[in-house]
């Protein structure tokens, strides 16, 4: 294996479980938003206007690295008329 691969594997192994989970959830939510926009034939710009946010912010959401608040998730869910998360 290369030194780069070894270093990457070491970093992944050292990443706390809660951080891995947060990143996984963030990307899952981003995928749901992107899929919903695609299904509706809606651009990020149109969605941003509809939800009252900037296009740049929506771009960050769809990029998968945004740390969502519950208020933002509720607003997105209500605007798209679909659940983004569920609590069991």
Foldseek 3Di string as FASTA:
>chain_A
DDPVVVVVVVVVVPDDPVVVVQLVLLQLLLVVLVVLCVVVVHDLCRVCVQLVHHSVVSVVSNVRPDDDDPVVQVSSCVSSVHHSDDDD
